[in-house]
Each structure stands twice: as C-alpha cells, then as structure tokens.
Amino acid sequence: MTACETSPFTVRTERSGTRFVATCQGEMDMTTCDVFFAAVLPGIVDTTTDRVAIDLADVTFLSAGGLRTLLLLLCAAHHNGKSFTVHHTQPQVRRVLDLFGFTTFKAGLVWETTMSPPSPHH
C-alpha cells in the first residue's frame, strides 16, 4: 500500500493473473496525484498484465489534477496495449469525470495527435 503523509489518501494495488487493480481511498488532488501515478504506473508497464482497473469507490473528491493523472495513465495504458477502466465512482466523482468527457475519452486519438512523431509532408 502506498500512502501520502500529508493527506488521508491511499492506493492499494494488487495483481490477479493478467489484471492489475488499484483501489483508491480519500481525496485525489494535487497533493496526492504523484502517489497515485507512482502506484499505478508499474501495473501499466508490467508485461504480464493486460488490464488495468482503477477502483474509486472510496474516493470522495477528484480535482483537475486527479483527472489529469487519470488521463495520463489512460494514455500510458493505451500506449502499452492495456485496457484501462475506472470503476465504482461516487456521484460527485462521476460528475467530474462526465463533465470533462472522461467517460467518452479516446486515448488512441489523443495519443496519435499529441505523442506520435509528425509524419513528413511531401
């Protein structure tokens, strides 16, 4: 388990077969995003996993920084050929995700337009 000393936020991770699950608890804001990112990234780059799931059932607040971190992890998962899902969101967290279009976000499209090298024009 990973925890931040200055905030009541924790991330518990586990691997089960080819699935990596991160269960979060507390407030996901600018003070906890690094903890969250550092806990989930190993599951994304692990060659033995093919699915990454984020359980937000016990997340009570999601800031713009938390949303940005989710988007970065979603793009990293896509780049590494992994599925990426977010589960069990509380209504206030789901509202933030919906308002910013996270539920319809297309990682592949964003990855191709922002991270791929430009193609030469002839």
C-alpha atoms as a PDB file:
ATOM      1  CA  MET A   1       0.000   0.000   0.000  1.00  0.00           C
ATOM      2  CA  THR A   2       1.172   3.483  -0.804  1.00  0.00           C
ATOM      3  CA  ALA A   3       0.113   6.476   1.271  1.00  0.00           C
ATOM      4  CA  CYS A   4       0.833  10.177   1.357  1.00  0.00           C
ATOM      5  CA  GLU A   5       1.920  11.537   4.743  1.00  0.00           C
ATOM      6  CA  THR A   6       0.123  14.889   4.367  1.00  0.00           C
ATOM      7  CA  SER A   7      -3.243  13.646   3.135  1.00  0.00           C
ATOM      8  CA  PRO A   8      -5.650  10.895   4.056  1.00  0.00           C
ATOM      9  CA  PHE A   9      -5.247   9.248   0.631  1.00  0.00           C
ATOM     10  CA  THR A  10      -4.183   5.670  -0.008  1.00  0.00           C
ATOM     11  CA  VAL A  11      -3.742   3.433  -3.021  1.00  0.00           C
ATOM     12  CA  ARG A  12      -3.785  -0.329  -2.608  1.00  0.00           C
ATOM     13  CA  THR A  13      -2.624  -2.325  -5.627  1.00  0.00           C
ATOM     14  CA  GLU A  14      -2.874  -5.984  -6.476  1.00  0.00           C
ATOM     15  CA  ARG A  15      -2.242  -8.244  -9.426  1.00  0.00           C
ATOM     16  CA  SER A  16      -4.526 -11.121 -10.219  1.00  0.00           C
ATOM     17  CA  GLY A  17      -3.494 -13.089 -13.279  1.00  0.00           C
ATOM     18  CA  THR A  18      -3.208 -10.560 -16.086  1.00  0.00           C
ATOM     19  CA  ARG A  19      -5.249  -7.923 -14.246  1.00  0.00           C
ATOM     20  CA  PHE A  20      -3.813  -5.038 -12.192  1.00  0.00           C
ATOM     21  CA  VAL A  21      -6.196  -3.279  -9.787  1.00  0.00           C
ATOM     22  CA  ALA A  22      -5.609  -0.032  -7.907  1.00  0.00           C
ATOM     23  CA  THR A  23      -8.095   0.693  -5.136  1.00  0.00           C
ATOM     24  CA  CYS A  24      -8.029   4.312  -4.010  1.00  0.00           C
ATOM     25  CA  GLN A  25      -9.369   5.918  -0.865  1.00  0.00           C
ATOM     26  CA  GLY A  26      -9.637   9.579   0.129  1.00  0.00           C
ATOM     27  CA  GLU A  27      -9.226  12.797  -1.818  1.00  0.00           C
ATOM     28  CA  MET A  28      -7.414  12.730  -5.141  1.00  0.00           C
ATOM     29  CA  ASP A  29      -5.974  16.199  -5.570  1.00  0.00           C
ATOM     30  CA  MET A  30      -2.706  17.911  -6.464  1.00  0.00           C
ATOM     31  CA  THR A  31      -1.075  16.711  -3.236  1.00  0.00           C
ATOM     32  CA  THR A  32      -1.861  13.043  -3.919  1.00  0.00           C
ATOM     33  CA  CYS A  33      -1.578  12.717  -7.694  1.00  0.00           C
ATOM     34  CA  ASP A  34       2.086  11.750  -7.614  1.00  0.00           C
ATOM     35  CA  VAL A  35       1.327   8.955  -5.131  1.00  0.00           C
ATOM     36  CA  PHE A  36      -1.485   7.698  -7.356  1.00  0.00           C
ATOM     37  CA  PHE A  37       0.607   7.876 -10.537  1.00  0.00           C
ATOM     38  CA  ALA A  38       3.582   6.112  -8.919  1.00  0.00           C
ATOM     39  CA  ALA A  39       1.336   3.328  -7.615  1.00  0.00           C
ATOM     40  CA  VAL A  40      -0.428   2.632 -10.942  1.00  0.00           C
ATOM     41  CA  LEU A  41       2.366   3.072 -13.496  1.00  0.00           C
ATOM     42  CA  PRO A  42       4.137  -0.211 -12.579  1.00  0.00           C
ATOM     43  CA  GLY A  43       0.953  -2.108 -13.418  1.00  0.00           C
ATOM     44  CA  ILE A  44       0.763  -0.382 -16.782  1.00  0.00           C
ATOM     45  CA  VAL A  45       4.339  -1.138 -17.805  1.00  0.00           C
ATOM     46  CA  ASP A  46       4.261  -4.702 -16.407  1.00  0.00           C
ATOM     47  CA  THR A  47       4.434  -7.022 -19.422  1.00  0.00           C
ATOM     48  CA  THR A  48       2.429  -9.720 -17.595  1.00  0.00           C
ATOM     49  CA  THR A  49      -0.699  -7.569 -17.282  1.00  0.00           C
ATOM     50  CA  ASP A  50      -3.191  -6.724 -19.989  1.00  0.00           C
ATOM     51  CA  ARG A  51      -5.901  -4.963 -17.960  1.00  0.00           C
ATOM     52  CA  VAL A  52      -5.632  -2.059 -15.538  1.00  0.00           C
ATOM     53  CA  ALA A  53      -8.616  -1.243 -13.324  1.00  0.00           C
ATOM     54  CA  ILE A  54      -8.983   1.754 -11.038  1.00  0.00           C
ATOM     55  CA  ASP A  55     -11.500   1.400  -8.191  1.00  0.00           C
ATOM     56  CA  LEU A  56     -12.672   4.813  -6.994  1.00  0.00           C
ATOM     57  CA  ALA A  57     -15.458   3.631  -4.649  1.00  0.00           C
ATOM     58  CA  ASP A  58     -13.820   5.315  -1.664  1.00  0.00           C
ATOM     59  CA  VAL A  59     -12.598   8.468  -3.417  1.00  0.00           C
ATOM     60  CA  THR A  60     -14.548  11.406  -2.017  1.00  0.00           C
ATOM     61  CA  PHE A  61     -13.058  14.195  -4.140  1.00  0.00           C
ATOM     62  CA  LEU A  62     -11.432  14.407  -7.575  1.00  0.00           C
ATOM     63  CA  SER A  63      -9.641  17.612  -8.561  1.00  0.00           C
ATOM     64  CA  ALA A  64      -8.493  18.708 -12.003  1.00  0.00           C
ATOM     65  CA  GLY A  65      -5.065  17.341 -11.046  1.00  0.00           C
ATOM     66  CA  GLY A  66      -6.594  13.958 -10.286  1.00  0.00           C
ATOM     67  CA  LEU A  67      -8.433  13.984 -13.591  1.00  0.00           C
ATOM     68  CA  ARG A  68      -5.219  14.888 -15.420  1.00  0.00           C
ATOM     69  CA  THR A  69      -3.425  11.987 -13.741  1.00  0.00           C
ATOM     70  CA  LEU A  70      -6.198   9.589 -14.759  1.00  0.00           C
ATOM     71  CA  LEU A  71      -5.882  10.826 -18.351  1.00  0.00           C
ATOM     72  CA  LEU A  72      -2.101  10.414 -18.325  1.00  0.00           C
ATOM     73  CA  LEU A  73      -2.460   6.871 -17.021  1.00  0.00           C
ATOM     74  CA  LEU A  74      -5.156   6.113 -19.589  1.00  0.00           C
ATOM     75  CA  CYS A  75      -2.840   7.265 -22.400  1.00  0.00           C
ATOM     76  CA  ALA A  76       0.075   5.291 -20.929  1.00  0.00           C
ATOM     77  CA  ALA A  77      -2.112   2.186 -20.739  1.00  0.00           C
ATOM     78  CA  HIS A  78      -3.175   2.641 -24.354  1.00  0.00           C
ATOM     79  CA  HIS A  79       0.429   3.112 -25.434  1.00  0.00           C
ATOM     80  CA  ASN A  80       1.366  -0.123 -23.644  1.00  0.00           C
ATOM     81  CA  GLY A  81      -1.532  -2.071 -25.163  1.00  0.00           C
ATOM     82  CA  LYS A  82      -3.548  -2.356 -21.944  1.00  0.00           C
ATOM     83  CA  SER A  83      -7.224  -1.858 -21.327  1.00  0.00           C
ATOM     84  CA  PHE A  84      -7.930   0.812 -18.700  1.00  0.00           C
ATOM     85  CA  THR A  85     -11.158   1.053 -16.739  1.00  0.00           C
ATOM     86  CA  VAL A  86     -12.441   3.154 -13.871  1.00  0.00           C
ATOM     87  CA  HIS A  87     -14.984   1.512 -11.562  1.00  0.00           C
ATOM     88  CA  HIS A  88     -17.315   2.276  -8.663  1.00  0.00           C
ATOM     89  CA  THR A  89     -17.266   6.059  -8.734  1.00  0.00           C
ATOM     90  CA  GLN A  90     -19.230   8.037  -6.171  1.00  0.00           C
ATOM     91  CA  PRO A  91     -21.726  10.531  -7.683  1.00  0.00           C
ATOM     92  CA  GLN A  92     -19.553  13.609  -7.053  1.00  0.00           C
ATOM     93  CA  VAL A  93     -16.529  11.947  -8.679  1.00  0.00           C
ATOM     94  CA  ARG A  94     -18.612  10.579 -11.576  1.00  0.00           C
ATOM     95  CA  ARG A  95     -19.907  14.095 -12.205  1.00  0.00           C
ATOM     96  CA  VAL A  96     -16.359  15.443 -12.608  1.00  0.00           C
ATOM     97  CA  LEU A  97     -15.488  12.586 -14.970  1.00  0.00           C
ATOM     98  CA  ASP A  98     -18.637  13.191 -17.019  1.00  0.00           C
ATOM     99  CA  LEU A  99     -18.216  16.990 -17.125  1.00  0.00           C
ATOM    100  CA  PHE A 100     -14.742  16.643 -18.577  1.00  0.00           C
ATOM    101  CA  GLY A 101     -15.677  13.879 -21.002  1.00  0.00           C
ATOM    102  CA  PHE A 102     -13.529  11.191 -19.374  1.00  0.00           C
ATOM    103  CA  THR A 103     -16.150   8.529 -19.992  1.00  0.00           C
ATOM    104  CA  THR A 104     -16.024   9.150 -23.739  1.00  0.00           C
ATOM    105  CA  PHE A 105     -12.313   9.974 -23.961  1.00  0.00           C
ATOM    106  CA  LYS A 106     -10.500   8.253 -26.816  1.00  0.00           C
ATOM    107  CA  ALA A 107      -6.952   7.527 -25.661  1.00  0.00           C
ATOM    108  CA  GLY A 108      -5.811   6.350 -29.078  1.00  0.00           C
ATOM    109  CA  LEU A 109      -6.898   9.532 -30.813  1.00  0.00           C
ATOM    110  CA  VAL A 110      -5.204  11.769 -28.250  1.00  0.00           C
ATOM    111  CA  TRP A 111      -2.067   9.633 -28.246  1.00  0.00           C
ATOM    112  CA  GLU A 112      -1.783   9.778 -32.028  1.00  0.00           C
ATOM    113  CA  THR A 113      -2.315  13.539 -32.236  1.00  0.00           C
ATOM    114  CA  THR A 114      -0.125  14.579 -29.322  1.00  0.00           C
ATOM    115  CA  MET A 115       2.530  11.924 -28.735  1.00  0.00           C
ATOM    116  CA  SER A 116       3.318  10.418 -32.133  1.00  0.00           C
ATOM    117  CA  PRO A 117       6.092  11.971 -34.195  1.00  0.00           C
ATOM    118  CA  PRO A 118       4.813  14.123 -37.020  1.00  0.00           C
ATOM    119  CA  SER A 119       4.689  12.442 -40.399  1.00  0.00           C
ATOM    120  CA  PRO A 120       6.773  14.008 -43.158  1.00  0.00           C
ATOM    121  CA  HIS A 121       4.791  16.030 -45.661  1.00  0.00           C
ATOM    122  CA  HIS A 122       5.545  15.534 -49.326  1.00  0.00           C
END
